[in-house]
């Protein structure tokens, strides 16, 4: 059915939309799983976190995690811009 399209751009857009729906469902599933994990994590005593907080090391951990997340975010934004430029050039 798709091979009868007059404009091939429509085919590319359709595939992109299908992939986006799958990606959205995956993100929703991961968010639900993370929420349930956070709910169950509230019952346990966090001795390691208290120890790290008292030593001041928790701030180092938070800084490293934030640095990694910001780096991943910047990488994704940069990659999206490059892909957009490639799509425009074609």
Protein backbone atom coordinates (compact mmCIF):
# COMPACT_ATOMS: atom_id res chain seq x y z
CA UNK A 1 0.00 0.00 0.00
CA UNK A 2 2.80 2.45 0.86
CA UNK A 3 4.65 1.83 -2.39
CA UNK A 4 1.81 3.48 -4.33
CA UNK A 5 2.39 6.88 -2.73
CA UNK A 6 3.07 9.67 -5.19
CA UNK A 7 5.14 11.63 -2.71
CA UNK A 8 7.78 9.68 -0.79
CA UNK A 9 7.87 12.32 1.95
CA UNK A 10 4.46 11.09 3.13
CA UNK A 11 5.93 7.63 3.67
CA UNK A 12 8.80 9.05 5.74
CA UNK A 13 6.41 11.14 7.85
CA UNK A 14 4.19 8.12 8.49
CA UNK A 15 7.13 6.02 9.68
CA UNK A 16 8.31 8.86 11.91
CA UNK A 17 4.85 9.21 13.45
CA UNK A 18 4.65 5.47 14.15
CA UNK A 19 8.08 5.52 15.76
CA UNK A 20 7.09 8.52 17.87
CA UNK A 21 4.00 6.71 19.17
CA UNK A 22 6.09 3.71 20.16
CA UNK A 23 8.62 6.02 21.83
CA UNK A 24 5.84 7.81 23.76
CA UNK A 25 4.43 4.50 24.98
CA UNK A 26 7.88 3.40 26.10
CA UNK A 27 8.47 6.65 27.99
CA UNK A 28 5.06 6.33 29.67
CA UNK A 29 5.85 2.74 30.70
CA UNK A 30 9.23 3.78 32.14
CA UNK A 31 7.63 6.67 34.03
CA UNK A 32 5.05 4.35 35.56
CA UNK A 33 7.73 1.88 36.58
CA UNK A 34 9.85 4.63 38.11
CA UNK A 35 6.86 5.96 40.05
CA UNK A 36 6.16 2.56 41.57
CA UNK A 37 9.84 2.19 42.46
CA UNK A 38 9.82 5.54 44.25
CA UNK A 39 6.69 4.60 46.18
CA UNK A 40 8.18 1.34 47.45
CA UNK A 41 11.51 3.01 48.23
CA UNK A 42 9.92 5.25 50.87
CA UNK A 43 9.57 2.43 53.42
CA UNK A 44 13.28 1.63 53.74
CA UNK A 45 15.78 3.35 56.01
CA UNK A 46 18.44 5.16 53.97
CA UNK A 47 21.58 4.78 56.08
CA UNK A 48 23.95 5.23 53.16
CA UNK A 49 22.31 8.53 52.17
CA UNK A 50 22.51 9.79 55.74
CA UNK A 51 26.20 8.87 55.94
CA UNK A 52 26.96 10.55 52.62
CA UNK A 53 24.96 13.61 53.64
CA UNK A 54 26.84 13.91 56.92
CA UNK A 55 30.20 13.65 55.12
CA UNK A 56 29.17 16.09 52.39
CA UNK A 57 29.71 13.50 49.66
CA UNK A 58 26.09 13.52 48.55
CA UNK A 59 26.70 16.84 46.83
CA UNK A 60 29.47 15.28 44.76
CA UNK A 61 27.15 12.47 43.71
CA UNK A 62 24.39 14.92 42.80
CA UNK A 63 26.84 17.06 40.82
CA UNK A 64 28.12 14.06 38.86
CA UNK A 65 24.61 12.83 38.09
CA UNK A 66 23.51 16.31 36.97
CA UNK A 67 26.61 16.68 34.81
CA UNK A 68 25.89 13.37 33.08
CA UNK A 69 22.21 14.23 32.54
CA UNK A 70 23.00 17.69 31.19
CA UNK A 71 25.61 16.18 28.87
CA UNK A 72 23.11 13.65 27.54
CA UNK A 73 20.51 16.37 27.04
CA UNK A 74 22.95 18.57 25.12
CA UNK A 75 24.02 15.60 23.00
CA UNK A 76 20.40 14.81 22.09
CA UNK A 77 19.66 18.45 21.22
CA UNK A 78 22.78 18.67 19.06
CA UNK A 79 21.97 15.40 17.33
CA UNK A 80 18.41 16.57 16.66
CA UNK A 81 19.70 19.77 15.04
CA UNK A 82 22.06 17.78 12.82
CA UNK A 83 19.30 15.40 11.76
CA UNK A 84 16.98 18.33 11.04
CA UNK A 85 19.65 19.93 8.85
CA UNK A 86 20.16 16.66 6.97
CA UNK A 87 16.42 16.31 6.40
CA UNK A 88 16.22 19.86 5.08
CA UNK A 89 19.13 19.32 2.70
CA UNK A 90 17.45 16.27 1.19
